[in-house]
Protein backbone atom coordinates (compact mmCIF):
# COMPACT_ATOMS: atom_id res chain seq x y z
CA MET A 1 2.86 -16.12 24.46
CA ILE A 2 5.91 -14.42 22.93
CA ASN A 3 6.98 -11.20 24.64
CA ILE A 4 7.54 -8.69 21.84
CA THR A 5 10.64 -6.55 22.41
CA ARG A 6 12.27 -6.56 18.95
CA ILE A 7 10.69 -5.85 15.56
CA PHE A 8 11.29 -9.38 14.28
CA ASP A 9 9.22 -10.77 17.18
CA PHE A 10 6.01 -9.63 15.43
CA PRO A 11 5.76 -12.44 12.82
CA TYR A 12 6.56 -15.07 15.47
CA TYR A 13 3.82 -13.62 17.69
CA GLN A 14 1.44 -13.73 14.71
CA LEU A 15 2.35 -17.37 14.07
CA GLU A 16 1.67 -18.30 17.68
CA LYS A 17 -1.61 -16.36 18.03
CA TYR A 18 -3.20 -16.25 14.54
CA ASN A 19 -1.15 -18.39 12.09
CA LEU A 20 -2.67 -16.71 9.04
CA ASN A 21 -2.96 -18.45 5.69
CA LYS A 22 -2.73 -15.03 4.03
CA SER A 23 -0.30 -12.99 6.07
CA LEU A 24 1.11 -10.98 3.14
CA THR A 25 -0.40 -10.71 -0.34
CA THR A 26 0.99 -9.01 -3.47
CA LYS A 27 -0.37 -8.91 -7.02
CA TYR A 28 2.06 -10.20 -9.63
CA GLY A 29 0.68 -9.72 -13.14
CA ASN A 30 -3.01 -10.58 -12.83
CA THR A 31 -2.68 -12.87 -9.80
CA TRP A 32 -2.83 -12.08 -6.10
CA THR A 33 -0.20 -14.28 -4.43
CA SER A 34 -0.26 -14.86 -0.68
CA ILE A 35 2.18 -16.32 1.80
CA SER A 36 1.22 -17.68 5.21
CA THR A 37 2.73 -16.55 8.49
CA GLN A 38 4.85 -19.72 8.52
CA GLU A 39 6.13 -19.11 4.97
CA TYR A 40 6.91 -15.50 5.90
CA ILE A 41 9.08 -16.66 8.81
CA ASP A 42 10.69 -19.50 6.82
CA GLN A 43 11.72 -17.16 4.00
CA ALA A 44 12.97 -14.50 6.44
CA ASN A 45 15.14 -17.15 8.11
CA ALA A 46 16.49 -18.22 4.71
CA ILE A 47 17.46 -14.59 4.04
CA SER A 48 19.16 -14.37 7.45
CA ARG A 49 21.16 -17.54 6.76
CA ALA A 50 22.16 -16.26 3.32
CA LEU A 51 23.24 -12.84 4.60
CA LEU A 52 25.44 -14.49 7.23
CA ARG A 53 27.02 -16.58 4.46
CA LEU A 54 27.70 -13.36 2.55
CA GLY A 55 29.57 -12.06 5.56
CA VAL A 56 26.96 -9.56 6.79
CA LYS A 57 27.56 -8.65 10.42
CA PRO A 58 25.55 -6.88 13.16
CA ASN A 59 25.13 -3.15 12.46
CA ASP A 60 25.91 -3.57 8.76
CA LYS A 61 23.57 -1.46 6.66
CA ILE A 62 21.35 -3.09 4.02
CA ALA A 63 19.46 -0.72 1.70
CA VAL A 64 16.06 -1.52 0.18
CA ILE A 65 14.51 0.57 -2.62
CA SER A 66 11.08 -0.50 -3.87
CA THR A 67 8.73 1.33 -6.22
CA ASN A 68 5.66 -0.35 -4.70
CA ASN A 69 5.00 -2.13 -1.44
CA ARG A 70 5.44 -5.87 -1.83
CA THR A 71 5.87 -9.06 0.16
CA GLU A 72 9.60 -9.24 -0.56
CA TRP A 73 10.15 -6.01 1.39
CA ASN A 74 8.82 -7.55 4.61
CA ILE A 75 10.80 -10.75 4.19
CA MET A 76 14.00 -8.75 3.67
CA ASP A 77 13.16 -6.51 6.64
CA ILE A 78 12.85 -9.40 9.10
CA GLY A 79 15.76 -11.30 7.53
CA VAL A 80 18.04 -8.29 7.99
CA LEU A 81 16.90 -7.33 11.49
CA GLN A 82 17.16 -10.88 12.92
CA ILE A 83 20.93 -10.92 12.51
CA GLY A 84 21.38 -7.49 14.11
CA ALA A 85 21.95 -5.70 10.80
CA ASN A 86 20.09 -2.49 9.99
CA ASN A 87 17.48 -1.92 7.29
CA VAL A 88 17.93 1.35 5.36
CA PRO A 89 14.76 1.93 3.31
CA ILE A 90 15.11 4.54 0.56
CA TYR A 91 12.36 6.40 -1.28
CA PRO A 92 12.39 5.23 -4.92
CA THR A 93 11.38 8.64 -6.25
CA ILE A 94 14.25 10.73 -4.89
CA SER A 95 17.10 11.85 -7.16
CA GLU A 96 20.15 9.79 -8.06
CA THR A 97 22.20 12.34 -6.10
CA ASP A 98 20.16 11.56 -2.98
CA TYR A 99 20.55 7.81 -3.63
CA GLU A 100 24.31 8.34 -3.67
CA TYR A 101 24.28 10.52 -0.56
CA ILE A 102 22.18 8.08 1.52
CA LEU A 103 24.07 4.97 0.41
CA ASN A 104 27.41 6.60 1.23
CA HIS A 105 26.30 8.29 4.44
CA SER A 106 24.83 5.02 5.76
CA GLU A 107 27.78 3.00 4.36
CA ALA A 108 25.34 0.43 2.95
CA THR A 109 27.06 -2.74 1.72
CA TYR A 110 24.16 -4.43 -0.11
CA CYS A 111 21.11 -3.04 -1.86
CA PHE A 112 17.84 -4.68 -2.88
CA VAL A 113 15.73 -2.97 -5.56
CA SER A 114 12.28 -3.71 -6.89
CA ASP A 115 12.47 -3.18 -10.63
CA LYS A 116 14.26 -2.02 -13.75
CA ASP A 117 13.49 1.68 -13.29
CA VAL A 118 15.04 1.83 -9.81
CA LEU A 119 17.97 -0.31 -10.97
CA GLU A 120 18.75 2.06 -13.85
CA LYS A 121 18.86 5.03 -11.47
CA LEU A 122 21.00 3.11 -8.99
CA ASN A 123 23.43 1.90 -11.66
CA LYS A 124 24.32 5.50 -12.55
CA ILE A 125 25.84 6.08 -9.11
CA LYS A 126 26.58 2.55 -7.89
CA ASP A 127 30.32 2.76 -8.59
CA ASN A 128 30.55 5.79 -6.29
CA THR A 129 29.31 3.76 -3.29
CA LEU A 130 30.50 0.95 -1.03
CA LEU A 131 27.93 -1.52 -2.39
CA LYS A 132 29.26 -5.06 -2.83
CA ALA A 133 26.22 -6.27 -4.75
CA VAL A 134 22.71 -5.28 -5.88
CA TYR A 135 19.81 -7.74 -5.96
CA THR A 136 16.45 -7.25 -7.68
CA PHE A 137 12.95 -8.41 -6.71
CA ASP A 138 11.70 -8.52 -10.31
CA GLU A 139 13.36 -11.01 -12.66
CA ILE A 140 15.76 -8.89 -14.76
CA PRO A 141 18.14 -10.52 -17.28
CA ASN A 142 21.84 -10.54 -16.25
CA GLU A 143 21.07 -9.15 -12.78
CA LYS A 144 21.32 -10.85 -9.40
CA ASN A 145 17.86 -11.77 -8.07
CA TRP A 146 16.83 -11.89 -4.42
CA LYS A 147 15.72 -15.52 -4.91
CA GLU A 148 19.40 -16.42 -5.17
CA LEU A 149 19.57 -15.61 -1.45
CA LEU A 150 16.58 -17.86 -0.74
CA THR A 151 18.56 -20.62 -2.49
CA LEU A 152 21.78 -19.73 -0.67
CA GLY A 153 19.85 -19.83 2.60
CA ALA A 154 18.00 -23.09 1.87
CA ASP A 155 20.65 -25.06 3.77
CA THR A 156 19.54 -24.75 7.39
CA SER A 157 22.84 -25.86 8.93
CA ASN A 158 23.66 -22.31 10.11
CA GLN A 159 20.21 -21.64 11.61
CA PRO A 160 21.74 -21.98 15.13
CA GLU A 161 23.95 -19.01 14.19
CA VAL A 162 20.83 -17.05 13.23
CA GLU A 163 19.27 -17.90 16.60
CA THR A 164 22.41 -16.72 18.40
CA HIS A 165 22.29 -13.40 16.52
CA LYS A 166 18.58 -13.01 17.34
CA ALA A 167 19.25 -13.60 21.03
CA ASN A 168 22.00 -10.96 20.99
CA VAL A 169 19.71 -8.22 19.59
CA LYS A 170 18.60 -5.97 22.45
CA PRO A 171 15.46 -3.76 22.43
CA ASN A 172 17.47 -0.52 22.45
CA ASP A 173 19.76 -1.60 19.60
CA LEU A 174 19.58 0.35 16.34
CA ALA A 175 17.10 -1.28 13.95
CA THR A 176 16.76 1.09 11.04
CA LEU A 177 17.96 4.33 9.50
CA ILE A 178 15.13 6.28 7.91
CA TYR A 179 16.29 9.25 5.89
CA THR A 180 13.74 12.03 6.08
CA SER A 181 12.53 13.18 2.70
CA GLY A 182 13.22 16.67 3.97
CA THR A 183 11.49 19.82 2.79
CA THR A 184 14.83 21.61 3.20
CA GLY A 185 18.52 20.65 3.24
CA THR A 186 20.18 17.25 2.96
CA PRO A 187 18.32 14.17 4.23
CA LYS A 188 18.83 13.34 7.91
CA GLY A 189 19.30 9.71 8.93
CA VAL A 190 16.85 9.12 11.77
CA MET A 191 18.09 6.31 14.01
CA LEU A 192 15.22 4.20 15.33
CA SER A 193 15.73 1.32 17.73
CA HIS A 194 13.69 -1.86 17.96
CA ASN A 195 12.09 -0.46 21.10
CA ASN A 196 11.20 2.84 19.40
CA LEU A 197 9.00 1.06 16.86
CA VAL A 198 7.81 -1.83 19.05
CA SER A 199 6.66 0.52 21.82
CA ASN A 200 4.85 2.67 19.27
CA VAL A 201 3.00 -0.35 17.88
CA LEU A 202 2.00 -1.64 21.31
CA ASN A 203 0.91 1.79 22.56
CA SER A 204 -1.06 2.56 19.37
CA GLU A 205 -2.88 -0.79 19.25
CA LYS A 206 -5.52 0.29 21.77
CA ARG A 207 -6.68 3.05 19.39
CA VAL A 208 -7.53 0.87 16.39
CA PRO A 209 -10.78 -1.11 16.40
CA PHE A 210 -9.61 -4.12 14.37
CA SER A 211 -11.30 -7.49 14.43
CA HIS A 212 -8.12 -9.26 15.49
CA GLY A 213 -7.33 -12.20 13.23
CA LYS A 214 -10.18 -11.34 10.84
CA SER A 215 -9.53 -7.91 9.28
CA ARG A 216 -8.03 -7.10 5.86
CA ALA A 217 -5.84 -4.05 5.20
CA LEU A 218 -4.93 -2.49 1.87
CA SER A 219 -1.49 -0.88 1.94
CA PHE A 220 -0.21 1.55 -0.67
CA LEU A 221 1.58 4.37 1.18
CA PRO A 222 5.33 3.84 0.76
CA ILE A 223 6.48 1.28 3.31
CA CYS A 224 9.80 3.12 3.42
CA HIS A 225 7.87 5.88 5.23
CA VAL A 226 7.71 5.28 8.98
CA PHE A 227 3.92 5.83 9.13
CA GLU A 228 3.08 2.91 6.86
CA ARG A 229 5.91 0.78 8.18
CA MET A 230 4.71 1.06 11.78
CA LEU A 231 1.18 0.24 10.65
CA ILE A 232 2.44 -2.87 8.82
CA TYR A 233 3.95 -4.06 12.12
CA LEU A 234 0.68 -3.15 13.87
CA TYR A 235 -1.31 -5.19 11.33
CA GLN A 236 0.98 -8.15 11.94
CA TYR A 237 0.55 -7.80 15.70
CA CYS A 238 -3.26 -7.72 15.35
CA GLY A 239 -3.45 -10.63 12.90
CA VAL A 240 -4.64 -8.41 10.04
CA GLU A 241 -4.19 -9.77 6.51
CA ILE A 242 -2.05 -7.31 4.51
CA TYR A 243 -2.70 -6.75 0.81
CA TYR A 244 -0.34 -4.52 -1.16
CA ALA A 245 -1.99 -2.27 -3.73
CA GLU A 246 -0.44 -2.30 -7.21
CA SER A 247 -0.23 1.50 -7.37
CA ILE A 248 -2.19 4.61 -6.45
CA ASP A 249 -3.70 4.61 -9.96
CA LYS A 250 -5.07 1.09 -9.47
CA MET A 251 -6.13 1.62 -5.87
CA ALA A 252 -9.85 1.88 -6.69
CA ASP A 253 -9.75 -1.43 -8.60
CA ASN A 254 -7.74 -3.10 -5.84
CA MET A 255 -10.24 -1.96 -3.20
CA LYS A 256 -13.06 -3.61 -5.10
CA GLU A 257 -11.01 -6.82 -5.46
CA ILE A 258 -9.81 -7.00 -1.84
CA ARG A 259 -12.75 -5.33 -0.02
CA PRO A 260 -10.48 -4.12 2.82
CA HIS A 261 -11.64 -3.16 6.30
CA VAL A 262 -8.88 -0.61 6.85
CA MET A 263 -6.58 1.59 4.77
CA THR A 264 -4.19 4.46 5.38
CA ALA A 265 -3.40 7.51 3.28
CA VAL A 266 -2.06 11.03 3.37
CA PRO A 267 -4.58 13.92 3.22
CA ARG A 268 -3.88 14.75 -0.44
CA LEU A 269 -5.17 11.33 -1.48
CA TYR A 270 -8.35 11.68 0.57
CA GLU A 271 -8.84 15.09 -1.08
CA LYS A 272 -8.58 13.44 -4.50
CA VAL A 273 -11.07 10.71 -3.55
CA TYR A 274 -13.55 13.35 -2.34
CA ASP A 275 -13.08 15.54 -5.43
CA LYS A 276 -13.79 12.55 -7.69
CA ILE A 277 -16.95 11.73 -5.74
CA VAL A 278 -18.15 15.36 -6.01
CA ALA A 279 -17.31 15.41 -9.74
CA LYS A 280 -19.52 12.34 -10.28
CA GLY A 281 -22.31 13.95 -8.26
CA SER A 282 -22.06 17.09 -10.40
CA ASP A 283 -22.79 14.99 -13.49
CA LEU A 284 -26.12 13.83 -12.04
CA THR A 285 -29.38 15.56 -12.97
CA GLY A 286 -32.72 16.35 -11.42
CA LEU A 287 -33.74 14.76 -8.12
CA LYS A 288 -30.62 12.55 -7.94
CA LYS A 289 -28.35 15.59 -8.11
CA ALA A 290 -30.45 17.46 -5.54
CA LEU A 291 -30.31 14.49 -3.14
CA PHE A 292 -26.55 14.12 -3.65
CA PHE A 293 -25.78 17.72 -2.69
CA TRP A 294 -28.34 17.66 0.12
CA ALA A 295 -26.33 14.75 1.59
CA ILE A 296 -23.06 16.64 1.06
CA ASP A 297 -24.40 19.74 2.85
CA LEU A 298 -25.65 17.55 5.67
CA GLY A 299 -22.31 15.75 5.95
CA LEU A 300 -20.35 19.00 6.14
CA LYS A 301 -22.29 19.89 9.31
CA TYR A 302 -21.46 16.55 10.98
CA GLU A 303 -20.56 16.43 14.68
CA PRO A 304 -19.80 13.11 16.42
CA TYR A 305 -21.79 11.50 19.22
CA GLY A 306 -25.16 12.92 18.13
CA LYS A 307 -24.28 16.50 19.09
CA ASN A 308 -26.46 17.88 16.28
CA GLY A 309 -29.60 16.38 17.80
CA TRP A 310 -32.14 13.73 16.90
CA TRP A 311 -33.50 15.43 13.76
CA TYR A 312 -30.03 15.68 12.23
CA GLU A 313 -29.38 12.01 13.03
CA LYS A 314 -32.70 11.04 11.35
CA GLN A 315 -31.70 12.91 8.20
CA LEU A 316 -28.21 11.41 8.33
CA ALA A 317 -29.66 7.90 8.43
CA VAL A 318 -31.57 8.68 5.22
CA ALA A 319 -28.48 10.19 3.57
CA ARG A 320 -26.43 7.15 4.49
CA LYS A 321 -28.97 4.80 2.98
CA LEU A 322 -29.58 6.75 -0.24
CA ILE A 323 -26.21 8.37 -0.98
CA PHE A 324 -23.33 7.52 1.34
CA SER A 325 -23.79 3.74 1.01
CA LYS A 326 -22.66 4.12 -2.61
CA TRP A 327 -19.48 5.85 -1.45
CA LYS A 328 -18.71 2.92 0.81
CA GLU A 329 -19.39 0.48 -2.02
CA GLY A 330 -16.96 2.43 -4.22
CA LEU A 331 -14.28 1.81 -1.57
CA GLY A 332 -14.86 -1.93 -1.60
CA GLY A 333 -18.02 -2.13 0.49
CA GLU A 334 -16.48 -3.29 3.77
CA ILE A 335 -14.27 -0.36 4.74
CA GLU A 336 -14.64 0.43 8.44
CA LEU A 337 -11.71 2.70 9.16
CA MET A 338 -9.38 5.02 7.29
CA VAL A 339 -6.32 6.53 8.95
CA SER A 340 -4.65 9.80 7.98
CA GLY A 341 -1.24 11.14 8.88
CA SER A 342 1.81 13.02 7.58
CA ALA A 343 0.01 16.36 7.03
CA PRO A 344 -3.09 18.22 8.29
CA LEU A 345 -6.45 16.84 7.19
CA GLN A 346 -9.11 19.35 6.16
CA LYS A 347 -11.95 19.46 8.70
CA ARG A 348 -14.55 19.17 5.93
CA LEU A 349 -13.08 15.78 4.97
CA THR A 350 -13.14 14.60 8.59
CA ARG A 351 -16.80 15.59 8.80
CA ILE A 352 -18.01 14.29 5.45
CA PHE A 353 -16.41 10.85 5.65
CA ALA A 354 -17.49 10.35 9.25
CA ALA A 355 -21.03 11.31 8.18
CA ALA A 356 -20.75 8.75 5.39
CA GLY A 357 -19.97 6.03 7.94
CA ILE A 358 -16.35 5.64 6.79
CA PRO A 359 -14.48 7.76 9.33
CA ILE A 360 -10.96 9.03 8.79
CA MET A 361 -9.11 8.93 12.08
CA GLU A 362 -6.43 11.60 11.95
CA GLY A 363 -3.24 11.09 13.91
CA TYR A 364 -0.03 12.99 14.45
CA GLY A 365 3.61 12.08 14.57
CA LEU A 366 7.02 12.39 12.96
CA THR A 367 9.73 10.05 11.73
CA GLU A 368 11.70 11.02 14.84
CA THR A 369 8.86 9.77 17.08
CA SER A 370 8.43 6.37 15.37
CA PRO A 371 5.90 8.03 14.44
CA VAL A 372 2.64 8.18 16.44
CA ILE A 373 2.19 10.75 19.21
CA SER A 374 -1.59 11.01 19.17
CA VAL A 375 -4.55 9.67 17.21
CA ASN A 376 -8.33 9.99 17.17
CA ASP A 377 -10.50 7.03 18.13
CA GLN A 378 -14.28 7.00 17.64
CA ARG A 379 -14.77 4.85 20.72
CA ASP A 380 -15.14 6.30 24.24
CA PHE A 381 -15.55 9.89 23.01
CA GLY A 382 -11.97 9.90 21.71
CA PHE A 383 -12.77 11.65 18.41
CA ARG A 384 -12.90 15.40 17.87
CA VAL A 385 -13.04 17.18 14.52
CA GLY A 386 -10.10 19.54 13.97
CA THR A 387 -7.76 17.73 16.35
CA VAL A 388 -5.25 14.89 16.03
CA GLY A 389 -6.79 13.08 18.98
CA LYS A 390 -5.47 12.23 22.41
CA LEU A 391 -1.92 11.14 23.25
CA ILE A 392 -1.24 7.41 23.05
CA ASP A 393 -0.08 5.67 26.25
CA ASN A 394 3.36 6.33 27.72
CA ILE A 395 3.89 9.56 25.78
CA GLU A 396 4.41 12.94 27.42
CA VAL A 397 3.81 16.23 25.60
CA LYS A 398 4.43 19.74 26.83
CA ILE A 399 3.87 23.01 25.02
CA ALA A 400 6.87 25.36 25.04
CA GLU A 401 6.48 29.10 25.67
CA ASP A 402 6.48 29.79 21.93
CA GLY A 403 3.78 27.14 21.37
CA GLU A 404 6.07 24.40 20.07
CA ILE A 405 5.08 20.80 20.82
CA LEU A 406 7.77 18.90 22.77
CA VAL A 407 7.55 15.11 23.07
CA LYS A 408 9.06 12.60 25.48
CA GLY A 409 8.63 8.83 25.45
CA PRO A 410 10.04 5.44 24.39
CA ASN A 411 9.22 6.30 20.77
CA VAL A 412 11.69 9.22 20.55
CA MET A 413 14.59 8.44 18.21
CA LEU A 414 18.15 7.59 19.22
CA GLY A 415 19.32 10.63 17.26
CA TYR A 416 20.45 11.61 13.76
CA TYR A 417 23.08 9.26 12.31
CA LYS A 418 26.60 10.73 12.40
CA ASP A 419 25.13 14.13 13.25
CA PRO A 420 25.37 14.98 16.97
CA GLU A 421 25.00 18.72 16.29
CA ARG A 422 21.63 18.41 14.55
CA THR A 423 20.56 15.92 17.23
CA LYS A 424 21.46 18.44 19.94
CA ASP A 425 19.45 21.12 18.11
CA VAL A 426 16.18 19.16 18.44
CA MET A 427 16.57 17.72 21.94
CA SER A 428 16.05 19.38 25.33
CA GLY A 429 17.03 16.61 27.71
CA ALA A 430 14.64 13.75 26.90
CA TYR A 431 12.20 16.05 25.06
CA PHE A 432 12.16 16.18 21.25
CA HIS A 433 11.32 19.49 19.57
CA THR A 434 8.76 18.66 16.87
CA GLY A 435 8.90 22.01 15.06
CA ASP A 436 5.10 22.08 15.17
CA ILE A 437 2.97 24.64 16.97
CA GLY A 438 -0.01 23.31 18.88
CA GLU A 439 -2.21 23.28 21.94
CA ILE A 440 -3.83 20.70 24.22
CA SER A 441 -7.44 21.07 25.36
CA ASN A 442 -8.46 20.60 28.99
CA ASP A 443 -9.76 17.13 28.15
CA GLY A 444 -6.55 16.06 26.38
CA PHE A 445 -7.10 16.62 22.65
CA LEU A 446 -4.02 17.80 20.76
CA LYS A 447 -4.47 20.39 18.01
CA ILE A 448 -1.77 21.35 15.50
CA THR A 449 -1.89 24.95 14.34
CA ASP A 450 1.20 25.23 12.10
CA ARG A 451 4.80 24.37 11.39
CA LYS A 452 7.12 26.60 13.39
CA LYS A 453 9.63 26.85 10.53
CA GLU A 454 6.93 27.69 7.98
CA ILE A 455 5.46 30.68 9.83
CA PHE A 456 6.82 33.90 8.35
CA LYS A 457 6.57 37.64 8.87
CA THR A 458 5.59 40.22 6.25
CA SER A 459 7.46 43.52 5.96
CA GLY A 460 4.64 45.04 8.02
CA GLY A 461 5.57 42.76 10.95
CA LYS A 462 2.48 40.52 10.69
CA TYR A 463 2.88 36.76 11.18
CA ILE A 464 1.47 34.43 8.51
CA ALA A 465 0.75 30.71 9.06
CA PRO A 466 0.80 29.45 5.45
CA ALA A 467 -0.46 25.87 5.96
CA VAL A 468 -3.82 27.02 7.34
CA ILE A 469 -4.40 29.30 4.34
CA GLU A 470 -3.19 26.66 1.87
CA ASN A 471 -5.53 24.03 3.30
CA LYS A 472 -8.47 26.39 2.90
CA LEU A 473 -7.55 27.22 -0.70
CA LYS A 474 -7.13 23.54 -1.61
CA GLN A 475 -10.82 22.99 -0.88
CA SER A 476 -11.45 24.55 -4.29
CA ARG A 477 -11.77 22.08 -7.13
CA PHE A 478 -9.81 24.53 -9.28
CA ILE A 479 -6.70 24.22 -7.10
CA GLU A 480 -4.50 21.11 -7.03
CA GLN A 481 -1.55 22.55 -5.10
CA VAL A 482 -0.77 25.96 -3.60
CA ILE A 483 2.03 27.66 -1.71
CA VAL A 484 1.57 30.88 0.24
CA ILE A 485 4.56 33.21 -0.07
CA GLY A 486 5.47 36.69 1.17
CA GLU A 487 8.22 36.47 3.75
CA GLY A 488 9.62 39.99 4.17
CA GLU A 489 7.23 41.30 1.53
CA LYS A 490 4.37 43.77 1.94
CA MET A 491 1.63 41.14 1.54
CA PRO A 492 1.01 37.40 1.27
CA ALA A 493 0.52 35.96 -2.22
CA ALA A 494 0.09 32.51 -3.70
CA LEU A 495 1.55 30.31 -6.40
CA ILE A 496 -1.14 27.91 -7.60
CA GLN A 497 -0.89 24.73 -9.60
CA PRO A 498 -4.42 24.39 -10.96
CA ASN A 499 -6.24 21.09 -11.21
CA ILE A 500 -5.47 20.50 -14.89
CA GLU A 501 -8.25 17.96 -15.44
CA PHE A 502 -10.87 20.16 -13.81
CA ILE A 503 -9.91 23.47 -15.49
CA THR A 504 -9.84 21.69 -18.86
CA GLU A 505 -13.42 20.45 -18.34
CA TRP A 506 -14.45 23.87 -17.00
CA ALA A 507 -13.06 25.62 -20.08
CA LYS A 508 -14.92 23.27 -22.42
CA ARG A 509 -18.19 23.81 -20.53
CA HIS A 510 -17.74 27.57 -20.94
CA ASN A 511 -16.74 27.33 -24.62
CA ILE A 512 -13.26 28.69 -23.95
CA GLU A 513 -10.88 27.66 -26.69
CA PHE A 514 -7.19 27.17 -25.88
CA SER A 515 -4.21 25.72 -27.72
CA ASN A 516 -2.48 24.26 -24.64
CA ILE A 517 -2.51 24.39 -20.83
CA ASP A 518 -0.01 27.26 -20.79
CA ALA A 519 -2.43 29.35 -22.81
CA LEU A 520 -5.39 28.40 -20.60
CA CYS A 521 -3.46 29.38 -17.47
CA THR A 522 -3.07 32.92 -18.79
CA ASP A 523 -6.69 33.25 -19.95
CA GLN A 524 -8.28 36.14 -18.06
CA ARG A 525 -11.60 34.31 -17.72
CA LEU A 526 -9.93 31.47 -15.80
CA LEU A 527 -7.90 33.92 -13.71
CA ASP A 528 -11.09 35.82 -12.81
CA ARG A 529 -12.80 32.57 -11.82
CA ILE A 530 -9.92 31.51 -9.58
CA GLN A 531 -9.91 34.99 -8.05
CA LYS A 532 -13.47 34.26 -6.91
CA GLU A 533 -12.23 31.11 -5.19
CA ILE A 534 -9.52 33.14 -3.45
CA ASP A 535 -12.02 35.83 -2.43
CA TYR A 536 -14.22 33.16 -0.87
CA SER A 537 -11.26 31.67 1.02
CA ASN A 538 -10.07 35.10 2.18
CA LYS A 539 -13.32 35.67 4.12
CA GLY A 540 -12.10 33.37 6.86
CA PHE A 541 -8.88 35.29 7.51
CA GLY A 542 -7.74 38.61 8.91
CA ASN A 543 -6.95 41.35 6.41
CA TRP A 544 -3.18 40.86 6.85
CA GLU A 545 -3.52 37.11 6.09
CA GLN A 546 -5.59 37.45 2.94
CA ILE A 547 -4.06 36.53 -0.41
CA LYS A 548 -3.66 39.76 -2.37
CA ALA A 549 -2.12 38.34 -5.56
CA PHE A 550 -1.55 34.98 -7.24
CA LYS A 551 0.08 33.34 -10.24
CA LEU A 552 -0.75 30.01 -11.91
CA THR A 553 1.94 27.49 -12.81
CA PRO A 554 0.89 25.37 -15.82
CA ASP A 555 3.30 22.55 -15.01
CA VAL A 556 2.26 19.79 -12.61
CA TRP A 557 4.01 19.84 -9.23
CA SER A 558 5.44 16.42 -8.57
CA ILE A 559 8.02 14.43 -6.67
CA ASP A 560 10.13 13.94 -9.80
CA ASN A 561 10.09 17.65 -10.65
CA GLY A 562 11.23 18.58 -7.15
CA GLN A 563 8.18 20.46 -5.82
CA LEU A 564 6.87 17.67 -3.55
CA THR A 565 8.33 15.24 -1.04
CA PRO A 566 7.52 11.51 -1.41
CA THR A 567 4.61 12.00 1.04
CA LEU A 568 3.27 14.87 -1.12
CA LYS A 569 4.29 17.72 1.18
CA LEU A 570 5.50 20.98 -0.34
CA LYS A 571 9.23 21.44 -0.78
CA ARG A 572 8.95 25.16 -0.09
CA LYS A 573 12.56 26.08 -0.71
CA ASN A 574 12.61 24.23 -4.04
CA ILE A 575 9.31 25.72 -5.19
CA LYS A 576 10.47 29.25 -4.44
CA GLU A 577 13.68 28.61 -6.40
CA ILE A 578 11.89 26.99 -9.37
CA TYR A 579 9.40 29.88 -9.66
CA LYS A 580 11.74 32.69 -8.63
CA SER A 581 10.89 34.81 -11.70
CA LEU A 582 7.16 34.29 -11.13
CA ILE A 583 7.51 35.47 -7.53
CA GLU A 584 9.50 38.48 -8.71
CA SER A 585 6.70 39.36 -11.12
CA ILE A 586 4.23 39.44 -8.20
CA TYR A 587 6.24 41.75 -5.99
CA ARG A 588 8.38 43.76 -8.42
CA SER A 589 6.15 44.38 -11.43
């Protein structure tokens, strides 16, 4: 059996152990198109041969920018890595300025893009970069297409050269540069070696209960993000068939078509799924509605391993049969496991989905740690609500005096590309400073309490942990996004982007007429109703932490508008700058 030490060993291992007919599947138009493990490897080798013929050398940087996950991404990834070159994945949604910065900072020589929209953005800055050529995955008139490389690489006469390059790639060699989306400052190029990612896959595998060689996964989180990318390698290692969702909007349809066993998402998407389920339940009447909310109330009290006693478990069995089974059917009918990462998951969602028999296993990690540090696992009492699980194998964590989580292990990055100073700032010997505050229980469960850099002090000297308050507020169906502010001010306050769809329906139900969303967001009746939501949330916090004032923003916070990162985290600095006058009106009026 192949000994996996480099990223490109995964497909060869899959070929030897599982040899899947449907290794990678993407929907083109109305047709799901699959390639086998053998075809995956054959096409990756063709790409390697073509890149060598183009003059690509070890450590050259090849950029890939794709709007959606697709088979071509994986083929390019392996084709690039096999010859010792480095894959530089770029978020499609970042600005043209960031495209230019990353391409120049990485000194990328070739770029592969998915579609016309990305190409148009790239073309605006292409002449300011070192790019020799740009290839597209979609067929676009008068543009070079990636299939030209498959043709260029069809001649196998230089395959021995590919094999020589493969043999020369060492586990600790640089594999990829992943530029952090960054909630502040310019993107940092995280250098990850083959061993960083391979070790993380092998050490995480024991925590995922896949049916090896039989499971199906639906992938839609950006593969340029290290969380999804590592999982894609993990799926390949476990012989899991990978299906790429068309888009987040079509995810529900794709789930019904594919009937996956596993999927991954960030907390905001699980929140949206839950809110839609509750909205449908609210439209029910009579006994059906009563049963629905009885099941919800039951689910919100869920504790694993029968801790609530036999009577609770009896009721839960009824709720699963009458109500929760329909939730599972809505997610394709065969879903067994959902994984969450990138941001804190609300405890109510952990409870309710576990009660429904479709548990979300929350994990923790960062780009700099390849990414997984810890993850929950329902088996062997490895699952605890409100935690990010136990550490995976071969990882060491210690808690600094100020509560910061420090991590040591084979998954810790090589450093930040061309940036020894910033690298030095986050390393203490072999330990990486995560910037997160946390604690470890006596039996090994890691709990994250806040981001060190996000904690601020009011003018009264009281510390505020904004993420905890924001997560509580986002449980309201009225609130889509929220940022807690107040650094150096007399009190904490909040800027809220309301859930436009929900407040529109709410206004109609209450016969509130409005000309546009801006007008509705200043209507005193809506403001009073949202104040009730804030009052309810405030009950769980100390007086100094309670939100004393708020303002609504009628515009939708988005990646394109600069308020959110590609993984839907808040860009706090940007938001404060965008709504500077609104913040002034809270504290200076």
